[in-house]
Amino acid sequence: SQAEIFTRYRVEVGDGSNRSRMQRQRDYFSVVEDMLKTASAEDPNFIGELLDSLADHVYGNLSKAQLIAEWNRAYHYAVLPTATIAGTHTIGENGFMEFYADEQARMQWIVEAFYRPLII
């Protein structure tokens, strides 16, 4: 419940802005990634046991064996920093923090994220 409050709540944690909530999410998942990699390196059965412990709370169409195989494939992947788009934060009429993306920065991010040159 503490992790949920830390990663999801805005008003009750920090300065109440979505920007700080998103930073807390990045911080949290960075630590979780490190912990998962360390635990699975120390115990080859860790991921399977973790999936067993989550079985009553997680639903999907992949089998446990498929999830373990995906973990093993992704284990050595480099996790790139979370992309952020330049823009401004302001208090809206409803009293909540609002973000307005810089249009040029938004378009640049879309091009870089979704359109890659073909290498022949």
N, C-alpha and C. Protein backbone atom coordinates (compact mmCIF):
# COMPACT_ATOMS: atom_id res chain seq x y z
N SER A 1 0.83 -1.20 0.00
CA SER A 1 0.00 0.00 0.00
C SER A 1 0.88 1.26 0.00
N GLN A 2 2.05 1.19 0.64
CA GLN A 2 2.95 2.34 0.62
C GLN A 2 3.46 2.62 -0.78
N ALA A 3 3.79 1.55 -1.52
CA ALA A 3 4.28 1.72 -2.89
C ALA A 3 3.20 2.34 -3.77
N GLU A 4 1.96 1.93 -3.57
CA GLU A 4 0.87 2.49 -4.35
C GLU A 4 0.70 3.98 -4.05
N ILE A 5 0.74 4.34 -2.79
CA ILE A 5 0.62 5.76 -2.43
C ILE A 5 1.78 6.54 -3.04
N PHE A 6 2.98 6.01 -2.92
CA PHE A 6 4.18 6.69 -3.43
C PHE A 6 4.11 6.91 -4.93
N THR A 7 3.62 5.91 -5.68
CA THR A 7 3.66 5.99 -7.14
C THR A 7 2.40 6.56 -7.78
N ARG A 8 1.27 6.50 -7.09
CA ARG A 8 0.02 6.90 -7.73
C ARG A 8 -0.59 8.19 -7.22
N TYR A 9 -0.38 8.48 -5.96
CA TYR A 9 -1.07 9.63 -5.38
C TYR A 9 -0.37 10.93 -5.74
N ARG A 10 -1.14 11.99 -5.85
CA ARG A 10 -0.57 13.30 -6.16
C ARG A 10 -0.72 14.26 -4.99
N VAL A 11 -1.93 14.50 -4.61
CA VAL A 11 -2.22 15.53 -3.62
C VAL A 11 -1.63 15.18 -2.26
N GLU A 12 -1.69 13.91 -1.89
CA GLU A 12 -1.26 13.48 -0.57
C GLU A 12 0.26 13.36 -0.43
N VAL A 13 1.00 13.40 -1.54
CA VAL A 13 2.44 13.15 -1.51
C VAL A 13 3.17 14.29 -2.20
N GLY A 14 4.23 14.77 -1.60
CA GLY A 14 5.08 15.78 -2.22
C GLY A 14 4.35 17.09 -2.47
N ASP A 15 4.65 17.70 -3.61
CA ASP A 15 4.07 19.01 -3.92
C ASP A 15 2.71 18.91 -4.61
N GLY A 16 2.21 17.69 -4.82
CA GLY A 16 0.89 17.50 -5.41
C GLY A 16 0.86 17.57 -6.92
N SER A 17 2.02 17.75 -7.55
CA SER A 17 2.02 17.88 -9.01
C SER A 17 2.18 16.51 -9.68
N ASN A 18 1.65 16.43 -10.88
CA ASN A 18 1.82 15.21 -11.66
C ASN A 18 3.28 15.02 -12.02
N ARG A 19 4.00 16.12 -12.21
CA ARG A 19 5.42 16.04 -12.55
C ARG A 19 6.19 15.31 -11.46
N SER A 20 5.94 15.63 -10.20
CA SER A 20 6.68 14.94 -9.13
C SER A 20 6.18 13.50 -8.98
N ARG A 21 4.88 13.25 -9.25
CA ARG A 21 4.38 11.87 -9.21
C ARG A 21 5.08 11.03 -10.27
N MET A 22 5.25 11.57 -11.45
CA MET A 22 5.91 10.83 -12.52
C MET A 22 7.38 10.58 -12.18
N GLN A 23 8.03 11.53 -11.53
CA GLN A 23 9.41 11.32 -11.10
C GLN A 23 9.48 10.22 -10.05
N ARG A 24 8.52 10.21 -9.11
CA ARG A 24 8.49 9.14 -8.10
C ARG A 24 8.30 7.79 -8.77
N GLN A 25 7.48 7.71 -9.83
CA GLN A 25 7.29 6.46 -10.56
C GLN A 25 8.60 6.01 -11.20
N ARG A 26 9.32 6.93 -11.82
CA ARG A 26 10.60 6.58 -12.43
C ARG A 26 11.58 6.08 -11.37
N ASP A 27 11.64 6.77 -10.24
CA ASP A 27 12.53 6.35 -9.14
C ASP A 27 12.15 4.96 -8.64
N TYR A 28 10.87 4.74 -8.44
CA TYR A 28 10.39 3.46 -7.92
C TYR A 28 10.73 2.32 -8.87
N PHE A 29 10.41 2.48 -10.14
CA PHE A 29 10.64 1.40 -11.09
C PHE A 29 12.12 1.15 -11.35
N SER A 30 12.94 2.15 -11.19
CA SER A 30 14.39 1.95 -11.29
C SER A 30 14.87 1.04 -10.17
N VAL A 31 14.38 1.28 -8.96
CA VAL A 31 14.76 0.44 -7.82
C VAL A 31 14.20 -0.97 -7.99
N VAL A 32 12.95 -1.08 -8.43
CA VAL A 32 12.35 -2.41 -8.65
C VAL A 32 13.14 -3.19 -9.69
N GLU A 33 13.53 -2.54 -10.77
CA GLU A 33 14.33 -3.21 -11.80
C GLU A 33 15.63 -3.75 -11.21
N ASP A 34 16.33 -2.93 -10.45
CA ASP A 34 17.58 -3.38 -9.83
C ASP A 34 17.34 -4.55 -8.88
N MET A 35 16.28 -4.47 -8.08
CA MET A 35 15.98 -5.54 -7.12
C MET A 35 15.64 -6.84 -7.85
N LEU A 36 14.86 -6.76 -8.92
CA LEU A 36 14.50 -7.97 -9.67
C LEU A 36 15.74 -8.61 -10.30
N LYS A 37 16.60 -7.79 -10.87
CA LYS A 37 17.81 -8.33 -11.50
C LYS A 37 18.73 -8.97 -10.46
N THR A 38 18.88 -8.32 -9.32
CA THR A 38 19.73 -8.87 -8.27
C THR A 38 19.16 -10.18 -7.74
N ALA A 39 17.87 -10.19 -7.43
CA ALA A 39 17.24 -11.39 -6.88
C ALA A 39 17.28 -12.55 -7.87
N SER A 40 17.03 -12.28 -9.16
CA SER A 40 17.04 -13.37 -10.14
C SER A 40 18.45 -13.85 -10.44
N ALA A 41 19.45 -12.99 -10.26
CA ALA A 41 20.84 -13.43 -10.44
C ALA A 41 21.27 -14.33 -9.28
N GLU A 42 20.78 -14.03 -8.09
CA GLU A 42 21.14 -14.82 -6.91
C GLU A 42 20.38 -16.14 -6.84
N ASP A 43 19.15 -16.15 -7.38
CA ASP A 43 18.31 -17.36 -7.30
C ASP A 43 17.63 -17.59 -8.64
N PRO A 44 18.05 -18.60 -9.39
CA PRO A 44 17.47 -18.85 -10.72
C PRO A 44 15.96 -19.14 -10.68
N ASN A 45 15.43 -19.52 -9.53
CA ASN A 45 14.00 -19.82 -9.40
C ASN A 45 13.18 -18.61 -8.97
N PHE A 46 13.84 -17.48 -8.75
CA PHE A 46 13.15 -16.33 -8.17
C PHE A 46 11.96 -15.86 -9.01
N ILE A 47 12.15 -15.70 -10.31
CA ILE A 47 11.07 -15.18 -11.16
C ILE A 47 9.88 -16.13 -11.15
N GLY A 48 10.13 -17.44 -11.24
CA GLY A 48 9.03 -18.41 -11.18
C GLY A 48 8.29 -18.33 -9.86
N GLU A 49 9.03 -18.20 -8.76
CA GLU A 49 8.40 -18.10 -7.44
C GLU A 49 7.63 -16.78 -7.31
N LEU A 50 8.18 -15.71 -7.86
CA LEU A 50 7.47 -14.43 -7.85
C LEU A 50 6.16 -14.53 -8.61
N LEU A 51 6.20 -15.15 -9.79
CA LEU A 51 4.97 -15.32 -10.57
C LEU A 51 3.96 -16.18 -9.83
N ASP A 52 4.43 -17.23 -9.14
CA ASP A 52 3.52 -18.06 -8.34
C ASP A 52 2.84 -17.23 -7.26
N SER A 53 3.61 -16.35 -6.60
CA SER A 53 3.04 -15.55 -5.51
C SER A 53 2.05 -14.51 -6.03
N LEU A 54 2.18 -14.13 -7.29
CA LEU A 54 1.28 -13.13 -7.88
C LEU A 54 0.11 -13.74 -8.64
N ALA A 55 0.07 -15.06 -8.74
CA ALA A 55 -0.90 -15.75 -9.61
C ALA A 55 -2.35 -15.36 -9.34
N ASP A 56 -2.70 -15.11 -8.09
CA ASP A 56 -4.09 -14.75 -7.78
C ASP A 56 -4.41 -13.29 -8.07
N HIS A 57 -3.41 -12.50 -8.44
CA HIS A 57 -3.62 -11.07 -8.63
C HIS A 57 -3.31 -10.59 -10.04
N VAL A 58 -2.71 -11.44 -10.87
CA VAL A 58 -2.29 -11.05 -12.21
C VAL A 58 -3.00 -11.95 -13.23
N TYR A 59 -3.54 -11.33 -14.25
CA TYR A 59 -4.25 -12.08 -15.28
C TYR A 59 -3.66 -11.74 -16.64
N GLY A 60 -3.55 -12.74 -17.49
CA GLY A 60 -3.04 -12.50 -18.83
C GLY A 60 -3.13 -13.77 -19.66
N ASN A 61 -2.67 -13.71 -20.89
CA ASN A 61 -2.76 -14.86 -21.76
C ASN A 61 -1.42 -15.55 -21.99
N LEU A 62 -0.39 -15.18 -21.22
CA LEU A 62 0.89 -15.85 -21.31
C LEU A 62 1.03 -16.85 -20.16
N SER A 63 1.59 -17.98 -20.46
CA SER A 63 1.81 -18.98 -19.42
C SER A 63 3.00 -18.56 -18.55
N LYS A 64 3.13 -19.22 -17.43
CA LYS A 64 4.27 -18.96 -16.54
C LYS A 64 5.58 -19.20 -17.30
N ALA A 65 5.64 -20.27 -18.07
CA ALA A 65 6.86 -20.58 -18.84
C ALA A 65 7.16 -19.48 -19.85
N GLN A 66 6.14 -18.95 -20.50
CA GLN A 66 6.35 -17.87 -21.46
C GLN A 66 6.84 -16.60 -20.76
N LEU A 67 6.28 -16.29 -19.59
CA LEU A 67 6.71 -15.11 -18.85
C LEU A 67 8.16 -15.24 -18.39
N ILE A 68 8.53 -16.43 -17.94
CA ILE A 68 9.92 -16.66 -17.53
C ILE A 68 10.85 -16.52 -18.73
N ALA A 69 10.45 -17.05 -19.87
CA ALA A 69 11.26 -16.92 -21.09
C ALA A 69 11.41 -15.45 -21.49
N GLU A 70 10.34 -14.68 -21.37
CA GLU A 70 10.41 -13.25 -21.70
C GLU A 70 11.34 -12.53 -20.72
N TRP A 71 11.27 -12.88 -19.44
CA TRP A 71 12.17 -12.28 -18.46
C TRP A 71 13.62 -12.58 -18.83
N ASN A 72 13.89 -13.83 -19.16
CA ASN A 72 15.26 -14.23 -19.50
C ASN A 72 15.76 -13.51 -20.75
N ARG A 73 14.87 -13.26 -21.71
CA ARG A 73 15.28 -12.51 -22.91
C ARG A 73 15.54 -11.05 -22.57
N ALA A 74 14.72 -10.47 -21.72
CA ALA A 74 14.81 -9.04 -21.42
C ALA A 74 15.83 -8.72 -20.35
N TYR A 75 16.31 -9.71 -19.64
CA TYR A 75 17.20 -9.50 -18.50
C TYR A 75 18.41 -8.64 -18.84
N HIS A 76 18.98 -8.83 -20.00
CA HIS A 76 20.20 -8.11 -20.38
C HIS A 76 19.93 -6.86 -21.22
N TYR A 77 18.66 -6.56 -21.46
CA TYR A 77 18.34 -5.36 -22.21
C TYR A 77 18.73 -4.12 -21.41
N ALA A 78 19.17 -3.11 -22.09
CA ALA A 78 19.42 -1.83 -21.44
C ALA A 78 18.09 -1.08 -21.36
N VAL A 79 17.79 -0.58 -20.20
CA VAL A 79 16.58 0.21 -20.02
C VAL A 79 16.95 1.67 -20.23
N LEU A 80 16.37 2.25 -21.25
CA LEU A 80 16.67 3.64 -21.59
C LEU A 80 15.96 4.58 -20.63
N PRO A 81 16.49 5.76 -20.46
CA PRO A 81 15.81 6.73 -19.59
C PRO A 81 14.42 7.04 -20.12
N THR A 82 13.53 7.36 -19.22
CA THR A 82 12.18 7.73 -19.61
C THR A 82 12.22 9.05 -20.37
N ALA A 83 11.57 9.06 -21.50
CA ALA A 83 11.53 10.28 -22.32
C ALA A 83 10.60 11.29 -21.67
N THR A 84 11.01 12.53 -21.68
CA THR A 84 10.14 13.60 -21.21
C THR A 84 10.07 14.65 -22.29
N ILE A 85 8.94 15.29 -22.39
CA ILE A 85 8.72 16.30 -23.41
C ILE A 85 8.72 17.66 -22.73
N ALA A 86 9.41 18.61 -23.33
CA ALA A 86 9.45 19.97 -22.79
C ALA A 86 8.05 20.57 -22.81
N GLY A 87 7.79 21.40 -21.84
CA GLY A 87 6.50 22.06 -21.77
C GLY A 87 6.39 22.89 -20.51
N THR A 88 5.20 23.33 -20.22
CA THR A 88 4.98 24.15 -19.05
C THR A 88 3.93 23.53 -18.13
N HIS A 89 4.10 23.77 -16.84
CA HIS A 89 3.13 23.35 -15.84
C HIS A 89 2.45 24.59 -15.29
N THR A 90 1.16 24.50 -15.12
CA THR A 90 0.41 25.64 -14.59
C THR A 90 -0.77 25.11 -13.78
N ILE A 91 -1.27 25.91 -12.88
CA ILE A 91 -2.45 25.55 -12.10
C ILE A 91 -3.67 25.87 -12.96
N GLY A 92 -4.51 24.85 -13.17
CA GLY A 92 -5.71 25.03 -13.98
C GLY A 92 -6.84 25.65 -13.20
N GLU A 93 -7.95 25.88 -13.88
CA GLU A 93 -9.13 26.48 -13.25
C GLU A 93 -9.68 25.63 -12.11
N ASN A 94 -9.45 24.30 -12.20
CA ASN A 94 -9.95 23.40 -11.16
C ASN A 94 -9.00 23.30 -9.96
N GLY A 95 -7.90 24.04 -10.01
CA GLY A 95 -6.95 24.04 -8.91
C GLY A 95 -5.88 22.97 -9.00
N PHE A 96 -5.93 22.16 -10.04
CA PHE A 96 -4.94 21.10 -10.21
C PHE A 96 -3.86 21.53 -11.20
N MET A 97 -2.69 20.93 -11.04
CA MET A 97 -1.57 21.21 -11.93
C MET A 97 -1.88 20.61 -13.30
N GLU A 98 -1.62 21.40 -14.35
CA GLU A 98 -1.82 20.94 -15.72
C GLU A 98 -0.51 21.08 -16.47
N PHE A 99 -0.29 20.20 -17.43
CA PHE A 99 0.92 20.23 -18.26
C PHE A 99 0.52 20.52 -19.69
N TYR A 100 1.24 21.45 -20.30
CA TYR A 100 1.03 21.77 -21.71
C TYR A 100 2.35 21.54 -22.43
N ALA A 101 2.35 20.53 -23.30
CA ALA A 101 3.56 20.18 -24.03
C ALA A 101 3.90 21.25 -25.04
N ASP A 102 5.18 21.52 -25.18
CA ASP A 102 5.66 22.39 -26.24
C ASP A 102 5.40 21.66 -27.56
N GLU A 103 4.70 22.30 -28.47
CA GLU A 103 4.27 21.64 -29.72
C GLU A 103 5.45 21.12 -30.54
N GLN A 104 6.50 21.91 -30.67
CA GLN A 104 7.66 21.48 -31.45
C GLN A 104 8.35 20.30 -30.77
N ALA A 105 8.49 20.35 -29.45
CA ALA A 105 9.11 19.25 -28.72
C ALA A 105 8.26 17.98 -28.82
N ARG A 106 6.94 18.15 -28.79
CA ARG A 106 6.04 17.00 -28.90
C ARG A 106 6.18 16.33 -30.26
N MET A 107 6.20 17.12 -31.31
CA MET A 107 6.35 16.56 -32.66
C MET A 107 7.71 15.90 -32.82
N GLN A 108 8.75 16.50 -32.29
CA GLN A 108 10.10 15.92 -32.37
C GLN A 108 10.13 14.57 -31.67
N TRP A 109 9.50 14.49 -30.49
CA TRP A 109 9.45 13.22 -29.75
C TRP A 109 8.72 12.15 -30.56
N ILE A 110 7.61 12.51 -31.17
CA ILE A 110 6.84 11.54 -31.97
C ILE A 110 7.70 11.00 -33.11
N VAL A 111 8.40 11.89 -33.80
CA VAL A 111 9.25 11.47 -34.92
C VAL A 111 10.35 10.54 -34.42
N GLU A 112 11.02 10.92 -33.34
CA GLU A 112 12.12 10.10 -32.82
C GLU A 112 11.64 8.75 -32.26
N ALA A 113 10.47 8.74 -31.64
CA ALA A 113 9.98 7.53 -30.99
C ALA A 113 9.37 6.53 -31.98
N PHE A 114 8.71 7.03 -33.02
CA PHE A 114 7.94 6.14 -33.88
C PHE A 114 8.45 5.99 -35.30
N TYR A 115 9.32 6.89 -35.73
CA TYR A 115 9.80 6.83 -37.10
C TYR A 115 11.31 6.71 -37.08
N ARG A 116 11.79 5.59 -37.53
CA ARG A 116 13.23 5.36 -37.56
C ARG A 116 13.64 5.16 -39.03
N PRO A 117 14.78 5.71 -39.41
CA PRO A 117 15.21 5.54 -40.81
C PRO A 117 15.52 4.08 -41.10
N LEU A 118 15.17 3.66 -42.29
CA LEU A 118 15.49 2.31 -42.72
C LEU A 118 16.96 2.23 -43.11
N ILE A 119 17.62 1.22 -42.61
CA ILE A 119 19.04 1.00 -42.96
C ILE A 119 19.07 -0.18 -43.91
N ILE A 120 19.51 0.08 -45.12
CA ILE A 120 19.53 -0.97 -46.14
C ILE A 120 20.93 -1.45 -46.36
